[in-house]
Structure formats: structure tokens, C-alpha cells
N, C-alpha and C. Protein backbone atom coordinates (compact mmCIF):
# COMPACT_ATOMS: atom_id res chain seq x y z
N UNK A 1 119.14 57.85 145.83
CA UNK A 1 119.20 56.54 146.47
C UNK A 1 120.50 55.85 146.06
N UNK A 2 121.14 55.20 147.00
CA UNK A 2 122.39 54.50 146.73
C UNK A 2 122.15 53.28 145.86
N UNK A 3 123.16 52.95 145.07
CA UNK A 3 123.07 51.77 144.20
C UNK A 3 123.28 50.51 145.03
N UNK A 4 122.60 49.44 144.66
CA UNK A 4 122.76 48.17 145.36
C UNK A 4 124.20 47.68 145.25
N UNK A 5 124.73 47.13 146.34
CA UNK A 5 126.06 46.52 146.30
C UNK A 5 126.02 45.16 145.63
N UNK A 6 124.90 44.46 145.81
CA UNK A 6 124.75 43.14 145.21
C UNK A 6 124.13 43.31 143.83
N UNK A 7 125.02 43.43 142.86
CA UNK A 7 124.61 43.60 141.47
C UNK A 7 125.72 42.99 140.61
N UNK A 8 125.41 42.64 139.37
CA UNK A 8 126.44 42.04 138.51
C UNK A 8 127.62 42.99 138.32
N UNK A 9 128.81 42.42 138.45
CA UNK A 9 130.04 43.17 138.19
C UNK A 9 130.86 42.36 137.19
N UNK A 10 131.89 42.91 136.67
CA UNK A 10 132.65 42.25 135.61
C UNK A 10 133.73 41.30 136.08
N UNK A 11 133.82 41.02 137.36
CA UNK A 11 134.91 40.18 137.88
C UNK A 11 134.75 38.72 137.45
N UNK A 12 135.85 38.01 137.45
CA UNK A 12 135.90 36.61 137.05
C UNK A 12 135.48 35.69 138.20
N UNK A 13 134.54 34.80 137.93
CA UNK A 13 134.12 33.81 138.91
C UNK A 13 135.29 32.88 139.24
N UNK A 14 136.00 32.43 138.22
CA UNK A 14 137.13 31.52 138.44
C UNK A 14 138.18 32.15 139.34
N UNK A 15 138.53 33.39 139.06
CA UNK A 15 139.53 34.08 139.90
C UNK A 15 139.03 34.24 141.32
N UNK A 16 137.74 34.56 141.48
CA UNK A 16 137.17 34.68 142.83
C UNK A 16 137.28 33.34 143.57
N UNK A 17 136.86 32.26 142.93
CA UNK A 17 136.91 30.95 143.59
C UNK A 17 138.34 30.55 143.92
N UNK A 18 139.29 30.96 143.10
CA UNK A 18 140.70 30.67 143.38
C UNK A 18 141.18 31.35 144.66
N UNK A 19 140.50 32.42 145.09
CA UNK A 19 140.93 33.15 146.29
C UNK A 19 140.40 32.55 147.59
N UNK A 20 139.50 31.58 147.50
CA UNK A 20 138.95 30.95 148.71
C UNK A 20 140.08 30.20 149.41
N UNK A 21 140.36 30.58 150.65
CA UNK A 21 141.52 30.05 151.36
C UNK A 21 141.35 28.60 151.82
N UNK A 22 140.20 28.27 152.37
CA UNK A 22 139.96 26.93 152.87
C UNK A 22 139.77 25.99 151.68
N UNK A 23 140.64 25.01 151.55
CA UNK A 23 140.62 24.12 150.38
C UNK A 23 139.33 23.31 150.28
N UNK A 24 138.79 22.87 151.41
CA UNK A 24 137.53 22.12 151.40
C UNK A 24 136.39 23.03 150.94
N UNK A 25 136.37 24.26 151.42
CA UNK A 25 135.33 25.22 151.01
C UNK A 25 135.48 25.57 149.53
N UNK A 26 136.72 25.70 149.08
CA UNK A 26 136.97 25.99 147.66
C UNK A 26 136.46 24.86 146.78
N UNK A 27 136.74 23.62 147.16
CA UNK A 27 136.26 22.47 146.38
C UNK A 27 134.73 22.42 146.39
N UNK A 28 134.13 22.68 147.53
CA UNK A 28 132.67 22.72 147.62
C UNK A 28 132.08 23.81 146.75
N UNK A 29 132.71 24.97 146.74
CA UNK A 29 132.24 26.08 145.92
C UNK A 29 132.32 25.73 144.44
N UNK A 30 133.38 25.07 144.04
CA UNK A 30 133.51 24.67 142.63
C UNK A 30 132.44 23.64 142.25
N UNK A 31 132.14 22.74 143.17
CA UNK A 31 131.10 21.74 142.92
C UNK A 31 129.74 22.42 142.78
N UNK A 32 129.42 23.35 143.68
CA UNK A 32 128.14 24.06 143.62
C UNK A 32 128.08 24.93 142.37
N UNK A 33 129.19 25.54 142.01
CA UNK A 33 129.24 26.36 140.79
C UNK A 33 128.86 25.51 139.57
N UNK A 34 129.45 24.34 139.45
CA UNK A 34 129.14 23.45 138.32
C UNK A 34 127.69 22.99 138.37
N UNK A 35 127.19 22.68 139.56
CA UNK A 35 125.80 22.24 139.71
C UNK A 35 124.83 23.35 139.29
N UNK A 36 125.06 24.56 139.76
CA UNK A 36 124.16 25.66 139.43
C UNK A 36 124.22 26.00 137.94
N UNK A 37 125.39 25.88 137.36
CA UNK A 37 125.51 26.12 135.92
C UNK A 37 124.71 25.07 135.15
N UNK A 38 124.82 23.82 135.58
CA UNK A 38 124.09 22.73 134.93
C UNK A 38 122.58 22.94 135.08
N UNK A 39 122.12 23.29 136.27
CA UNK A 39 120.70 23.44 136.54
C UNK A 39 120.11 24.63 135.79
N UNK A 40 120.81 25.76 135.78
CA UNK A 40 120.27 26.97 135.17
C UNK A 40 120.54 27.06 133.68
N UNK A 41 121.58 26.33 133.21
CA UNK A 41 121.98 26.46 131.81
C UNK A 41 122.69 27.77 131.53
N UNK A 42 123.15 28.44 132.58
CA UNK A 42 123.82 29.73 132.45
C UNK A 42 125.14 29.72 133.22
N UNK A 43 126.08 30.53 132.76
CA UNK A 43 127.33 30.68 133.48
C UNK A 43 127.11 31.62 134.66
N UNK A 44 127.86 31.39 135.71
CA UNK A 44 127.78 32.26 136.87
C UNK A 44 128.41 33.61 136.60
N UNK A 45 127.90 34.61 137.29
CA UNK A 45 128.46 35.97 137.25
C UNK A 45 128.68 36.43 138.68
N UNK A 46 129.67 37.24 138.87
CA UNK A 46 129.90 37.82 140.18
C UNK A 46 128.84 38.89 140.43
N UNK A 47 128.19 38.79 141.58
CA UNK A 47 127.22 39.78 142.04
C UNK A 47 127.85 40.41 143.28
N UNK A 48 128.51 41.53 143.06
CA UNK A 48 129.30 42.11 144.14
C UNK A 48 130.59 41.32 144.27
N UNK A 49 131.35 41.58 145.31
CA UNK A 49 132.68 40.97 145.42
C UNK A 49 132.71 39.53 145.92
N UNK A 50 131.57 39.00 146.43
CA UNK A 50 131.67 37.68 147.05
C UNK A 50 130.51 36.73 146.79
N UNK A 51 129.63 37.05 145.84
CA UNK A 51 128.50 36.17 145.52
C UNK A 51 128.55 35.80 144.05
N UNK A 52 128.40 34.51 143.77
CA UNK A 52 128.29 34.02 142.40
C UNK A 52 126.81 33.78 142.15
N UNK A 53 126.26 34.48 141.15
CA UNK A 53 124.84 34.36 140.84
C UNK A 53 124.62 33.78 139.46
N UNK A 54 123.46 33.15 139.29
CA UNK A 54 123.10 32.50 138.03
C UNK A 54 121.74 33.00 137.60
N UNK A 55 121.66 33.36 136.32
CA UNK A 55 120.41 33.87 135.78
C UNK A 55 120.04 35.17 136.46
N UNK A 56 118.90 35.72 136.06
CA UNK A 56 118.42 36.94 136.69
C UNK A 56 116.94 37.11 136.42
N UNK A 57 116.34 37.94 137.19
CA UNK A 57 114.95 38.33 136.99
C UNK A 57 114.81 39.78 137.45
N UNK A 58 113.73 40.41 137.04
CA UNK A 58 113.46 41.78 137.43
C UNK A 58 112.28 41.77 138.39
N UNK A 59 112.36 42.61 139.39
CA UNK A 59 111.25 42.76 140.31
C UNK A 59 111.14 44.22 140.73
N UNK A 60 109.98 44.57 141.23
CA UNK A 60 109.73 45.91 141.72
C UNK A 60 109.47 45.82 143.21
N UNK A 61 110.22 46.60 143.99
CA UNK A 61 110.04 46.54 145.44
C UNK A 61 108.82 47.37 145.86
N UNK A 62 108.54 47.38 147.15
CA UNK A 62 107.35 48.06 147.66
C UNK A 62 107.38 49.57 147.43
N UNK A 63 108.55 50.13 147.21
CA UNK A 63 108.68 51.57 146.94
C UNK A 63 108.55 51.87 145.44
N UNK A 64 108.34 50.82 144.63
CA UNK A 64 108.19 51.03 143.20
C UNK A 64 109.49 51.05 142.42
N UNK A 65 110.60 50.72 143.06
CA UNK A 65 111.91 50.71 142.41
C UNK A 65 112.14 49.36 141.74
N UNK A 66 112.59 49.38 140.49
CA UNK A 66 112.83 48.17 139.71
C UNK A 66 114.27 47.71 139.91
N UNK A 67 114.45 46.40 140.15
CA UNK A 67 115.78 45.83 140.38
C UNK A 67 115.98 44.56 139.56
N UNK A 68 117.25 44.25 139.30
CA UNK A 68 117.64 42.97 138.74
C UNK A 68 118.20 42.15 139.90
N UNK A 69 117.85 40.86 139.93
CA UNK A 69 118.36 39.99 140.99
C UNK A 69 118.64 38.62 140.40
N UNK A 70 119.50 37.85 141.03
CA UNK A 70 119.86 36.51 140.55
C UNK A 70 118.75 35.51 140.83
N UNK A 71 118.65 34.50 139.98
CA UNK A 71 117.69 33.41 140.21
C UNK A 71 118.15 32.52 141.36
N UNK A 72 119.43 32.27 141.40
CA UNK A 72 120.04 31.48 142.47
C UNK A 72 121.51 31.85 142.52
N UNK A 73 122.18 31.46 143.57
CA UNK A 73 123.59 31.78 143.68
C UNK A 73 124.18 31.18 144.94
N UNK A 74 125.44 31.50 145.17
CA UNK A 74 126.12 30.99 146.36
C UNK A 74 127.29 31.90 146.72
N UNK A 75 127.75 31.73 147.95
CA UNK A 75 128.93 32.44 148.41
C UNK A 75 129.71 31.53 149.35
N UNK A 76 130.98 31.29 149.06
CA UNK A 76 131.81 30.48 149.95
C UNK A 76 132.36 31.34 151.09
N UNK A 77 131.63 31.43 152.17
CA UNK A 77 132.03 32.26 153.31
C UNK A 77 132.94 31.45 154.23
N UNK A 78 133.59 32.11 155.16
CA UNK A 78 134.50 31.40 156.07
C UNK A 78 133.78 30.37 156.92
N UNK A 79 132.61 30.72 157.44
CA UNK A 79 131.91 29.82 158.35
C UNK A 79 131.08 28.75 157.64
N UNK A 80 130.52 29.09 156.47
CA UNK A 80 129.62 28.18 155.76
C UNK A 80 129.69 28.44 154.27
N UNK A 81 129.21 27.47 153.53
CA UNK A 81 128.90 27.68 152.13
C UNK A 81 127.44 28.11 152.13
N UNK A 82 127.16 29.29 151.59
CA UNK A 82 125.81 29.85 151.61
C UNK A 82 125.22 29.76 150.21
N UNK A 83 124.05 29.13 150.10
CA UNK A 83 123.33 29.07 148.83
C UNK A 83 122.11 29.95 148.94
N UNK A 84 121.78 30.64 147.86
CA UNK A 84 120.64 31.55 147.84
C UNK A 84 119.50 30.91 147.06
N UNK A 85 118.46 30.55 147.80
CA UNK A 85 117.26 29.92 147.25
C UNK A 85 116.17 30.99 147.33
N UNK A 86 115.96 31.71 146.22
CA UNK A 86 115.19 32.95 146.24
C UNK A 86 113.75 32.85 146.75
N UNK A 87 113.01 31.78 146.45
CA UNK A 87 111.64 31.78 146.98
C UNK A 87 111.57 31.39 148.46
N UNK A 88 112.70 31.12 149.09
CA UNK A 88 112.68 30.62 150.46
C UNK A 88 112.40 29.13 150.46
N UNK A 89 111.91 28.60 151.57
CA UNK A 89 111.84 27.15 151.73
C UNK A 89 110.45 26.59 151.94
N UNK A 90 109.44 27.44 152.11
CA UNK A 90 108.09 26.99 152.40
C UNK A 90 107.49 26.09 151.33
N UNK A 91 107.93 26.26 150.09
CA UNK A 91 107.41 25.46 148.98
C UNK A 91 108.10 24.09 148.87
N UNK A 92 109.15 23.90 149.62
CA UNK A 92 110.02 22.74 149.41
C UNK A 92 110.20 21.89 150.67
N UNK A 93 109.17 21.78 151.48
CA UNK A 93 109.27 21.03 152.75
C UNK A 93 109.76 19.60 152.56
N UNK A 94 109.22 18.91 151.56
CA UNK A 94 109.60 17.50 151.35
C UNK A 94 111.08 17.38 151.02
N UNK A 95 111.59 18.27 150.19
CA UNK A 95 113.02 18.25 149.86
C UNK A 95 113.87 18.59 151.09
N UNK A 96 113.44 19.58 151.84
CA UNK A 96 114.22 20.00 153.00
C UNK A 96 114.33 18.88 154.03
N UNK A 97 113.28 18.07 154.16
CA UNK A 97 113.30 16.95 155.10
C UNK A 97 114.35 15.91 154.71
N UNK A 98 114.65 15.81 153.42
CA UNK A 98 115.60 14.80 152.92
C UNK A 98 117.01 15.35 152.71
N UNK A 99 117.19 16.65 152.87
CA UNK A 99 118.45 17.29 152.48
C UNK A 99 119.64 16.89 153.35
N UNK A 100 119.45 16.86 154.65
CA UNK A 100 120.58 16.54 155.53
C UNK A 100 120.76 17.62 156.58
N UNK A 101 122.01 17.94 156.89
CA UNK A 101 122.35 18.87 157.96
C UNK A 101 122.61 20.25 157.36
N UNK A 102 121.85 21.26 157.83
CA UNK A 102 121.95 22.62 157.31
C UNK A 102 121.23 23.56 158.26
N UNK A 103 121.36 24.85 158.01
CA UNK A 103 120.58 25.89 158.67
C UNK A 103 120.04 26.79 157.58
N UNK A 104 118.96 27.52 157.89
CA UNK A 104 118.39 28.42 156.90
C UNK A 104 118.18 29.80 157.49
N UNK A 105 118.18 30.79 156.59
CA UNK A 105 117.70 32.13 156.85
C UNK A 105 116.53 32.31 155.90
N UNK A 106 116.11 33.53 155.65
CA UNK A 106 114.95 33.75 154.79
C UNK A 106 115.12 33.08 153.42
N UNK A 107 116.20 33.38 152.73
CA UNK A 107 116.49 32.75 151.43
C UNK A 107 117.88 32.13 151.41
N UNK A 108 118.51 32.03 152.56
CA UNK A 108 119.87 31.50 152.64
C UNK A 108 119.87 30.08 153.20
N UNK A 109 120.65 29.24 152.55
CA UNK A 109 120.85 27.87 153.00
C UNK A 109 122.32 27.77 153.41
N UNK A 110 122.56 27.54 154.70
CA UNK A 110 123.91 27.49 155.24
C UNK A 110 124.33 26.03 155.38
N UNK A 111 125.40 25.67 154.66
CA UNK A 111 125.92 24.30 154.70
C UNK A 111 127.36 24.37 155.18
N UNK A 112 127.68 23.60 156.21
CA UNK A 112 129.04 23.59 156.72
C UNK A 112 129.98 22.92 155.71
N UNK A 113 129.60 21.73 155.26
CA UNK A 113 130.37 21.03 154.23
C UNK A 113 129.40 20.21 153.40
N UNK A 114 129.71 20.03 152.13
CA UNK A 114 128.79 19.34 151.23
C UNK A 114 128.52 17.90 151.65
N UNK A 115 129.44 17.29 152.38
CA UNK A 115 129.23 15.93 152.87
C UNK A 115 128.05 15.86 153.83
N UNK A 116 127.61 17.00 154.37
CA UNK A 116 126.49 17.03 155.31
C UNK A 116 125.14 16.95 154.63
N UNK A 117 125.10 17.09 153.30
CA UNK A 117 123.82 17.10 152.59
C UNK A 117 123.81 16.06 151.48
N UNK A 118 122.61 15.67 151.09
CA UNK A 118 122.42 14.76 149.96
C UNK A 118 122.52 15.60 148.70
N UNK A 119 123.53 15.36 147.88
CA UNK A 119 123.78 16.20 146.70
C UNK A 119 122.67 16.10 145.66
N UNK A 120 122.04 14.95 145.53
CA UNK A 120 120.93 14.81 144.59
C UNK A 120 119.75 15.67 145.03
N UNK A 121 119.48 15.66 146.33
CA UNK A 121 118.38 16.48 146.87
C UNK A 121 118.72 17.96 146.73
N UNK A 122 119.98 18.32 146.97
CA UNK A 122 120.38 19.72 146.80
C UNK A 122 120.14 20.18 145.37
N UNK A 123 120.51 19.35 144.41
CA UNK A 123 120.28 19.71 143.01
C UNK A 123 118.79 19.82 142.70
N UNK A 124 117.98 18.92 143.26
CA UNK A 124 116.53 19.01 143.09
C UNK A 124 115.99 20.32 143.67
N UNK A 125 116.49 20.72 144.83
CA UNK A 125 116.06 21.95 145.49
C UNK A 125 116.40 23.16 144.63
N UNK A 126 117.62 23.21 144.13
CA UNK A 126 118.03 24.33 143.28
C UNK A 126 117.17 24.37 142.02
N UNK A 127 116.97 23.22 141.39
CA UNK A 127 116.17 23.16 140.16
C UNK A 127 114.73 23.59 140.42
N UNK A 128 114.15 23.14 141.52
CA UNK A 128 112.76 23.52 141.84
C UNK A 128 112.65 25.01 142.11
N UNK A 129 113.62 25.57 142.81
CA UNK A 129 113.55 27.00 143.11
C UNK A 129 113.73 27.84 141.85
N UNK A 130 114.63 27.43 140.97
CA UNK A 130 114.84 28.16 139.71
C UNK A 130 113.60 28.07 138.83
N UNK A 131 113.01 26.88 138.75
CA UNK A 131 111.79 26.72 137.95
C UNK A 131 110.67 27.62 138.49
N UNK A 132 110.54 27.66 139.80
CA UNK A 132 109.52 28.52 140.42
C UNK A 132 109.77 29.99 140.07
N UNK A 133 111.02 30.43 140.19
CA UNK A 133 111.34 31.83 139.93
C UNK A 133 111.14 32.19 138.45
N UNK A 134 111.48 31.27 137.57
CA UNK A 134 111.28 31.54 136.13
C UNK A 134 109.80 31.61 135.79
N UNK A 135 108.99 30.82 136.45
CA UNK A 135 107.54 30.87 136.21
C UNK A 135 106.96 32.16 136.78
N UNK A 136 107.40 32.54 137.96
CA UNK A 136 106.88 33.74 138.63
C UNK A 136 107.35 35.02 137.93
N UNK A 137 108.57 34.99 137.38
CA UNK A 137 109.17 36.18 136.74
C UNK A 137 109.62 35.83 135.33
N UNK A 138 108.68 35.59 134.41
CA UNK A 138 109.10 35.27 133.04
C UNK A 138 109.80 36.44 132.37
N UNK A 139 110.77 36.11 131.53
CA UNK A 139 111.48 37.17 130.78
C UNK A 139 110.52 37.75 129.77
N UNK A 140 110.57 39.06 129.62
CA UNK A 140 109.68 39.74 128.64
C UNK A 140 110.34 39.81 127.27
């Protein structure tokens, strides 16, 4: 079986963020990086070439394979700033109603620019999702 591409690598988060071409996206990525570090109490690590992840947990997939995955993370993509909220959004309806302008995928939160969302609510959302994941996947 092939190794996952999204896994911790030794690259520098700071150097990666320095490569973001769009200055507004770069500033937003730095803001989210600081927020996630504050919320998780951990420094970000590069997970593959373009995702900054914070914390980790272990899970076993349906085939019985054990994996390490980030508790939360983000990627400054060209079209959007993407935040990874691992439990998805079903548990956080009240926060999502107050967040602002965004789109979602299964665990992805797509934000065009940080000015489109309430930053306090975003921090609450990240904190709630991390707390949920830590409770669901306690470190052994």
C-alpha cells in the first residue's frame, strides 16, 4: 500500500508561509497559524507540501490500517484559505450560524478572506473541534 501524502514532513512552516504569493492570503495564513497555535498549545508542522497541521491523533480506518492525522490545520490555497475542522460541522451549528461568509466540504472550511468571518467565532470553532477530537482520541 502506498504511503499517505498528507503526513508530517520536516519542512519549515515559516518558509512555506513565506512562499504564499498573494499578500492578503499570506497575512491571513499567518493569522490563522498564530490562532491555531494558541488554541492547540502546539507549534504547526507541515503535513505534506502545502498543509500546516497542529497536534495529532491516531485512528484506524475501515480496513484496519492505523494512521496519524492532525487535530486541525489549514492551507493557504490560491482560491481560498482552507481550514480543516476534523469532526466536520454537524456538532457546531450555532457557531456556523454566527461565523459569516464561507463554504464547507466534509471537514474543509473555505474562507475567501478573513474579513468575511467573525474571528472570535472562528477561534471558538477551532477550539471546540480540537476539544472534541482530543476527547474522542485521547493520547495513550
